[in-house]
Amino acid sequence: MIRKKLMMGSASLAAALTLAACGGEEADNSAAPEEQSETTNEAGKVLEEIDDPEEREESDDHGGMDHSSDGEVPDELMEAANPTYAVGDKATIQADHMPGMDGATATIAGAYDTTAYSVSYTPTDGGEPVEDHKWVIHEELADAADAPYAEGDAVTLDADHMEGMKGASAAIDTVEETTVYMVDFENTETGDPVTNHKWVTESELTSD
C-alpha cells in the first residue's frame, strides 16, 4: 500500500514538473523581443519625407534661388578630354531645372566627364523637400565610393547649389554617366544673368 502511494506521488510530481517546463517555454517565447519591427533605410526615409502631395507641389520650384556659382569645382573632377561643346561654345539649353532656363542660349564655362545624379532630399535649413533635383555629380557627394551609385541608394550631399543642400541626406533617383557642363546664360523670363550654373548634361544641350 505504501509502495502504491509512493508510485502515485512520483507520477504526480513528474506531471507537475512537465507542466512547469512547458509553462516556462511559453513564457520565454512570449517575452522574446519583437523581431518584425519596421526598419527603413536612409533613402527610404528621404523619399517618405517628400511623399506629401502638398509639399511636392513646391518641391521643384527653385525660381527664387540664385543659380549662379563661384565656378569652383571639386579637385578630383576631370575635365572632359573631347567634349561635344568646348569652353566658349554656344548651345541652346533644353532643360527646365528652373524657370527661364529652357530655350536659353548658353555659353559653355566648363565641361567635365563624370556621373550625374538626380536626387531627392530634405534641406537642412527646414525648407520644403526637393524631389528629382538635377544635377548633383559624383564628386559632390560626401565620402563618395569609387564606383557610381545606383537608383535608390542613400547618399549625403556635399554640394551647395542651393540653400540647405550641403549636408542633406538624399536618395538617388536617376543615374547618368555623361559629360556635364557649367554654363552661363540669360534667364529668358527675367533677363537676369546666370553665371557658372551647375549643371546641364550633354543631352540637355543642342547646337544653335
C-alpha atoms as a PDB file:
ATOM      1  CA  MET A   1       0.000   0.000   0.000  1.00  0.00           C
ATOM      2  CA  ILE A   2       2.797   2.375   0.930  1.00  0.00           C
ATOM      3  CA  ARG A   3       4.648   1.488  -2.291  1.00  0.00           C
ATOM      4  CA  LYS A   4       1.482   2.219  -4.301  1.00  0.00           C
ATOM      5  CA  LYS A   5       1.167   5.661  -2.686  1.00  0.00           C
ATOM      6  CA  LEU A   6       4.823   6.384  -3.432  1.00  0.00           C
ATOM      7  CA  MET A   7       4.373   5.474  -7.089  1.00  0.00           C
ATOM      8  CA  MET A   8       1.303   7.720  -7.377  1.00  0.00           C
ATOM      9  CA  GLY A   9       3.174  10.548  -5.713  1.00  0.00           C
ATOM     10  CA  SER A  10       6.112  10.177  -8.107  1.00  0.00           C
ATOM     11  CA  ALA A  11       3.767  10.224 -11.098  1.00  0.00           C
ATOM     12  CA  SER A  12       2.096  13.411  -9.846  1.00  0.00           C
ATOM     13  CA  LEU A  13       5.447  15.052  -9.260  1.00  0.00           C
ATOM     14  CA  ALA A  14       6.641  14.157 -12.790  1.00  0.00           C
ATOM     15  CA  ALA A  15       3.433  15.553 -14.314  1.00  0.00           C
ATOM     16  CA  ALA A  16       3.806  18.764 -12.332  1.00  0.00           C
ATOM     17  CA  LEU A  17       7.411  19.192 -13.467  1.00  0.00           C
ATOM     18  CA  THR A  18       6.409  18.600 -17.090  1.00  0.00           C
ATOM     19  CA  LEU A  19       3.682  21.241 -16.923  1.00  0.00           C
ATOM     20  CA  ALA A  20       6.049  23.702 -15.275  1.00  0.00           C
ATOM     21  CA  ALA A  21       8.623  23.180 -18.023  1.00  0.00           C
ATOM     22  CA  CYS A  22       6.041  23.757 -20.741  1.00  0.00           C
ATOM     23  CA  GLY A  23       4.780  26.844 -18.970  1.00  0.00           C
ATOM     24  CA  GLY A  24       8.347  28.177 -18.804  1.00  0.00           C
ATOM     25  CA  GLU A  25       8.867  27.716 -22.530  1.00  0.00           C
ATOM     26  CA  GLU A  26       5.665  29.587 -23.308  1.00  0.00           C
ATOM     27  CA  ALA A  27       6.707  32.429 -21.021  1.00  0.00           C
ATOM     28  CA  ASP A  28      10.105  32.645 -22.705  1.00  0.00           C
ATOM     29  CA  ASN A  29       8.502  32.770 -26.157  1.00  0.00           C
ATOM     30  CA  SER A  30       6.024  35.426 -25.158  1.00  0.00           C
ATOM     31  CA  ALA A  31       8.798  37.512 -23.649  1.00  0.00           C
ATOM     32  CA  ALA A  32      11.011  37.314 -26.773  1.00  0.00           C
ATOM     33  CA  PRO A  33      11.682  40.744 -28.397  1.00  0.00           C
ATOM     34  CA  GLU A  34       9.687  41.664 -31.473  1.00  0.00           C
ATOM     35  CA  GLU A  35      11.840  40.741 -34.440  1.00  0.00           C
ATOM     36  CA  GLN A  36       9.467  42.101 -37.073  1.00  0.00           C
ATOM     37  CA  SER A  37       9.761  45.793 -36.169  1.00  0.00           C
ATOM     38  CA  GLU A  38       9.722  48.045 -39.187  1.00  0.00           C
ATOM     39  CA  THR A  39      13.105  49.192 -40.430  1.00  0.00           C
ATOM     40  CA  THR A  40      13.674  51.826 -43.102  1.00  0.00           C
ATOM     41  CA  ASN A  41      16.941  52.704 -44.811  1.00  0.00           C
ATOM     42  CA  GLU A  42      18.106  56.283 -45.223  1.00  0.00           C
ATOM     43  CA  ALA A  43      16.967  56.529 -48.853  1.00  0.00           C
ATOM     44  CA  GLY A  44      13.520  55.317 -47.879  1.00  0.00           C
ATOM     45  CA  LYS A  45      13.296  57.907 -45.124  1.00  0.00           C
ATOM     46  CA  VAL A  46      14.125  60.712 -47.554  1.00  0.00           C
ATOM     47  CA  LEU A  47      11.506  59.547 -50.049  1.00  0.00           C
ATOM     48  CA  GLU A  48       8.902  59.182 -47.297  1.00  0.00           C
ATOM     49  CA  GLU A  49       9.552  62.723 -46.127  1.00  0.00           C
ATOM     50  CA  ILE A  50       8.701  64.153 -49.534  1.00  0.00           C
ATOM     51  CA  ASP A  51       5.765  61.835 -50.203  1.00  0.00           C
ATOM     52  CA  ASP A  52       3.241  64.548 -49.417  1.00  0.00           C
ATOM     53  CA  PRO A  53       1.322  65.957 -52.422  1.00  0.00           C
ATOM     54  CA  GLU A  54       1.166  69.469 -50.946  1.00  0.00           C
ATOM     55  CA  GLU A  55       4.917  69.506 -50.266  1.00  0.00           C
ATOM     56  CA  ARG A  56       5.681  68.028 -53.683  1.00  0.00           C
ATOM     57  CA  GLU A  57       3.884  70.912 -55.416  1.00  0.00           C
ATOM     58  CA  GLU A  58       6.594  73.263 -54.166  1.00  0.00           C
ATOM     59  CA  SER A  59       9.495  70.824 -54.241  1.00  0.00           C
ATOM     60  CA  ASP A  60      10.648  71.743 -57.742  1.00  0.00           C
ATOM     61  CA  ASP A  61      10.039  75.485 -57.517  1.00  0.00           C
ATOM     62  CA  HIS A  62      13.545  76.939 -57.487  1.00  0.00           C
ATOM     63  CA  GLY A  63      12.554  80.206 -59.120  1.00  0.00           C
ATOM     64  CA  GLY A  64      13.608  82.319 -56.152  1.00  0.00           C
ATOM     65  CA  MET A  65      17.061  80.787 -55.953  1.00  0.00           C
ATOM     66  CA  ASP A  66      20.281  82.229 -57.365  1.00  0.00           C
ATOM     67  CA  HIS A  67      21.546  79.521 -59.690  1.00  0.00           C
ATOM     68  CA  SER A  68      24.885  81.208 -60.295  1.00  0.00           C
ATOM     69  CA  SER A  69      28.006  79.830 -58.627  1.00  0.00           C
ATOM     70  CA  ASP A  70      31.586  80.866 -57.993  1.00  0.00           C
ATOM     71  CA  GLY A  71      32.777  78.401 -60.640  1.00  0.00           C
ATOM     72  CA  GLU A  72      34.743  76.278 -58.189  1.00  0.00           C
ATOM     73  CA  VAL A  73      34.703  72.528 -58.886  1.00  0.00           C
ATOM     74  CA  PRO A  74      35.983  69.554 -56.842  1.00  0.00           C
ATOM     75  CA  ASP A  75      39.723  68.937 -57.232  1.00  0.00           C
ATOM     76  CA  GLU A  76      39.157  65.339 -58.348  1.00  0.00           C
ATOM     77  CA  LEU A  77      36.708  66.299 -61.127  1.00  0.00           C
ATOM     78  CA  MET A  78      38.257  65.572 -64.523  1.00  0.00           C
ATOM     79  CA  GLU A  79      37.867  67.959 -67.428  1.00  0.00           C
ATOM     80  CA  ALA A  80      36.368  66.299 -70.497  1.00  0.00           C
ATOM     81  CA  ALA A  81      39.078  65.349 -72.992  1.00  0.00           C
ATOM     82  CA  ASN A  82      36.942  65.775 -76.095  1.00  0.00           C
ATOM     83  CA  PRO A  83      33.579  67.339 -75.189  1.00  0.00           C
ATOM     84  CA  THR A  84      30.870  67.958 -77.746  1.00  0.00           C
ATOM     85  CA  TYR A  85      30.794  71.566 -76.582  1.00  0.00           C
ATOM     86  CA  ALA A  86      34.095  73.207 -75.726  1.00  0.00           C
ATOM     87  CA  VAL A  87      34.589  76.119 -73.338  1.00  0.00           C
ATOM     88  CA  GLY A  88      33.328  79.259 -75.076  1.00  0.00           C
ATOM     89  CA  ASP A  89      30.932  77.422 -77.411  1.00  0.00           C
ATOM     90  CA  LYS A  90      27.283  78.422 -77.639  1.00  0.00           C
ATOM     91  CA  ALA A  91      24.421  75.952 -77.198  1.00  0.00           C
ATOM     92  CA  THR A  92      20.703  76.020 -76.516  1.00  0.00           C
ATOM     93  CA  ILE A  93      19.503  74.647 -73.191  1.00  0.00           C
ATOM     94  CA  GLN A  94      16.658  72.156 -73.373  1.00  0.00           C
ATOM     95  CA  ALA A  95      16.009  71.674 -69.669  1.00  0.00           C
ATOM     96  CA  ASP A  96      13.682  73.283 -67.151  1.00  0.00           C
ATOM     97  CA  HIS A  97      15.541  72.885 -63.883  1.00  0.00           C
ATOM     98  CA  MET A  98      14.410  76.436 -63.105  1.00  0.00           C
ATOM     99  CA  PRO A  99      12.039  78.994 -64.652  1.00  0.00           C
ATOM    100  CA  GLY A 100      13.604  80.896 -67.554  1.00  0.00           C
ATOM    101  CA  MET A 101      16.154  78.198 -68.331  1.00  0.00           C
ATOM    102  CA  ASP A 102      14.519  76.190 -71.113  1.00  0.00           C
ATOM    103  CA  GLY A 103      15.390  77.660 -74.508  1.00  0.00           C
ATOM    104  CA  ALA A 104      18.088  79.978 -73.191  1.00  0.00           C
ATOM    105  CA  THR A 105      21.311  80.374 -75.137  1.00  0.00           C
ATOM    106  CA  ALA A 106      24.212  79.142 -73.026  1.00  0.00           C
ATOM    107  CA  THR A 107      27.912  79.813 -73.178  1.00  0.00           C
ATOM    108  CA  ILE A 108      29.955  76.825 -72.039  1.00  0.00           C
ATOM    109  CA  ALA A 109      32.078  77.678 -68.989  1.00  0.00           C
ATOM    110  CA  GLY A 110      33.350  74.147 -68.260  1.00  0.00           C
ATOM    111  CA  ALA A 111      32.989  70.543 -69.437  1.00  0.00           C
ATOM    112  CA  TYR A 112      33.655  67.505 -67.243  1.00  0.00           C
ATOM    113  CA  ASP A 113      33.274  63.728 -67.540  1.00  0.00           C
ATOM    114  CA  THR A 114      31.512  62.223 -64.518  1.00  0.00           C
ATOM    115  CA  THR A 115      28.387  60.508 -63.242  1.00  0.00           C
ATOM    116  CA  ALA A 116      25.406  62.802 -62.768  1.00  0.00           C
ATOM    117  CA  TYR A 117      22.563  62.065 -60.364  1.00  0.00           C
ATOM    118  CA  SER A 118      19.106  63.452 -59.891  1.00  0.00           C
ATOM    119  CA  VAL A 119      18.320  63.342 -56.175  1.00  0.00           C
ATOM    120  CA  SER A 120      15.501  63.845 -53.695  1.00  0.00           C
ATOM    121  CA  TYR A 121      16.320  65.380 -50.319  1.00  0.00           C
ATOM    122  CA  THR A 122      15.048  67.449 -47.438  1.00  0.00           C
ATOM    123  CA  PRO A 123      17.025  70.690 -46.995  1.00  0.00           C
ATOM    124  CA  THR A 124      18.946  71.065 -43.761  1.00  0.00           C
ATOM    125  CA  ASP A 125      17.579  74.589 -43.238  1.00  0.00           C
ATOM    126  CA  GLY A 126      13.983  73.428 -42.857  1.00  0.00           C
ATOM    127  CA  GLY A 127      12.994  74.260 -46.422  1.00  0.00           C
ATOM    128  CA  GLU A 128      10.437  72.298 -48.432  1.00  0.00           C
ATOM    129  CA  PRO A 129      11.519  68.804 -49.524  1.00  0.00           C
ATOM    130  CA  VAL A 130      13.044  68.732 -53.007  1.00  0.00           C
ATOM    131  CA  GLU A 131      12.233  65.941 -55.439  1.00  0.00           C
ATOM    132  CA  ASP A 132      14.264  64.915 -58.501  1.00  0.00           C
ATOM    133  CA  HIS A 133      16.805  67.745 -58.318  1.00  0.00           C
ATOM    134  CA  LYS A 134      19.074  67.855 -61.374  1.00  0.00           C
ATOM    135  CA  TRP A 135      22.015  67.576 -61.125  1.00  0.00           C
ATOM    136  CA  VAL A 136      24.491  66.563 -58.455  1.00  0.00           C
ATOM    137  CA  ILE A 137      27.683  64.909 -59.672  1.00  0.00           C
ATOM    138  CA  HIS A 138      29.582  62.028 -58.087  1.00  0.00           C
ATOM    139  CA  GLU A 139      32.358  64.276 -56.843  1.00  0.00           C
ATOM    140  CA  GLU A 140      29.805  66.359 -54.937  1.00  0.00           C
ATOM    141  CA  LEU A 141      28.775  63.508 -52.640  1.00  0.00           C
ATOM    142  CA  ALA A 142      30.261  63.262 -49.159  1.00  0.00           C
ATOM    143  CA  ASP A 143      32.601  60.277 -48.677  1.00  0.00           C
ATOM    144  CA  ALA A 144      31.680  59.027 -52.139  1.00  0.00           C
ATOM    145  CA  ALA A 145      32.555  55.451 -53.055  1.00  0.00           C
ATOM    146  CA  ASP A 146      34.813  54.849 -56.031  1.00  0.00           C
ATOM    147  CA  ALA A 147      32.060  53.197 -58.064  1.00  0.00           C
ATOM    148  CA  PRO A 148      28.941  55.099 -59.139  1.00  0.00           C
ATOM    149  CA  TYR A 149      25.829  54.771 -57.012  1.00  0.00           C
ATOM    150  CA  ALA A 150      22.607  53.145 -58.169  1.00  0.00           C
ATOM    151  CA  GLU A 151      18.999  54.298 -58.128  1.00  0.00           C
ATOM    152  CA  GLY A 152      17.600  54.121 -54.619  1.00  0.00           C
ATOM    153  CA  ASP A 153      20.951  54.453 -52.845  1.00  0.00           C
ATOM    154  CA  ALA A 154      21.223  56.771 -49.857  1.00  0.00           C
ATOM    155  CA  VAL A 155      23.920  59.464 -50.000  1.00  0.00           C
ATOM    156  CA  THR A 156      24.918  62.689 -48.262  1.00  0.00           C
ATOM    157  CA  LEU A 157      25.206  65.797 -50.405  1.00  0.00           C
ATOM    158  CA  ASP A 158      28.357  67.898 -50.291  1.00  0.00           C
ATOM    159  CA  ALA A 159      27.172  70.307 -52.993  1.00  0.00           C
ATOM    160  CA  ASP A 160      25.892  73.778 -52.171  1.00  0.00           C
ATOM    161  CA  HIS A 161      23.996  74.643 -55.355  1.00  0.00           C
ATOM    162  CA  MET A 162      21.003  75.650 -53.235  1.00  0.00           C
ATOM    163  CA  GLU A 163      20.286  76.704 -49.670  1.00  0.00           C
ATOM    164  CA  GLY A 164      20.067  73.738 -47.321  1.00  0.00           C
ATOM    165  CA  MET A 165      21.616  71.293 -49.779  1.00  0.00           C
ATOM    166  CA  LYS A 166      25.077  70.801 -48.277  1.00  0.00           C
ATOM    167  CA  GLY A 167      24.999  68.037 -45.679  1.00  0.00           C
ATOM    168  CA  ALA A 168      21.483  66.874 -46.551  1.00  0.00           C
ATOM    169  CA  SER A 169      20.621  63.186 -46.738  1.00  0.00           C
ATOM    170  CA  ALA A 170      19.410  62.268 -50.208  1.00  0.00           C
ATOM    171  CA  ALA A 171      18.080  59.383 -52.264  1.00  0.00           C
ATOM    172  CA  ILE A 172      19.408  58.736 -55.763  1.00  0.00           C
ATOM    173  CA  ASP A 173      16.563  58.972 -58.307  1.00  0.00           C
ATOM    174  CA  THR A 174      18.426  58.524 -61.597  1.00  0.00           C
ATOM    175  CA  VAL A 175      21.997  57.889 -62.702  1.00  0.00           C
ATOM    176  CA  GLU A 176      23.655  59.100 -65.898  1.00  0.00           C
ATOM    177  CA  GLU A 177      27.296  58.709 -66.931  1.00  0.00           C
ATOM    178  CA  THR A 178      27.869  61.705 -69.149  1.00  0.00           C
ATOM    179  CA  THR A 179      29.664  64.960 -69.781  1.00  0.00           C
ATOM    180  CA  VAL A 180      28.291  67.719 -67.584  1.00  0.00           C
ATOM    181  CA  TYR A 181      28.608  71.379 -68.410  1.00  0.00           C
ATOM    182  CA  MET A 182      28.863  74.514 -66.357  1.00  0.00           C
ATOM    183  CA  VAL A 183      27.123  77.263 -68.306  1.00  0.00           C
ATOM    184  CA  ASP A 184      26.430  80.989 -68.417  1.00  0.00           C
ATOM    185  CA  PHE A 185      23.071  82.156 -69.735  1.00  0.00           C
ATOM    186  CA  GLU A 186      20.441  84.881 -69.511  1.00  0.00           C
ATOM    187  CA  ASN A 187      17.180  83.956 -67.820  1.00  0.00           C
ATOM    188  CA  THR A 188      14.534  84.129 -70.537  1.00  0.00           C
ATOM    189  CA  GLU A 189      11.835  85.282 -68.099  1.00  0.00           C
ATOM    190  CA  THR A 190      13.661  87.864 -66.010  1.00  0.00           C
ATOM    191  CA  GLY A 191      16.595  88.826 -68.208  1.00  0.00           C
ATOM    192  CA  ASP A 192      18.930  88.276 -65.259  1.00  0.00           C
ATOM    193  CA  PRO A 193      22.355  86.796 -65.990  1.00  0.00           C
ATOM    194  CA  VAL A 194      23.198  83.375 -64.554  1.00  0.00           C
ATOM    195  CA  THR A 195      26.887  82.557 -64.363  1.00  0.00           C
ATOM    196  CA  ASN A 196      28.671  79.250 -63.825  1.00  0.00           C
ATOM    197  CA  HIS A 197      25.420  77.322 -63.434  1.00  0.00           C
ATOM    198  CA  LYS A 198      25.917  73.714 -62.281  1.00  0.00           C
ATOM    199  CA  TRP A 199      24.957  71.516 -64.163  1.00  0.00           C
ATOM    200  CA  VAL A 200      23.447  70.653 -67.540  1.00  0.00           C
ATOM    201  CA  THR A 201      24.161  67.331 -69.222  1.00  0.00           C
ATOM    202  CA  GLU A 202      25.157  66.502 -72.774  1.00  0.00           C
ATOM    203  CA  SER A 203      21.586  65.517 -73.681  1.00  0.00           C
ATOM    204  CA  GLU A 204      20.203  68.843 -72.402  1.00  0.00           C
ATOM    205  CA  LEU A 205      22.106  70.946 -74.935  1.00  0.00           C
ATOM    206  CA  THR A 206      21.635  71.387 -78.669  1.00  0.00           C
ATOM    207  CA  SER A 207      23.691  73.290 -81.228  1.00  0.00           C
ATOM    208  CA  ASP A 208      22.417  76.686 -82.344  1.00  0.00           C
END
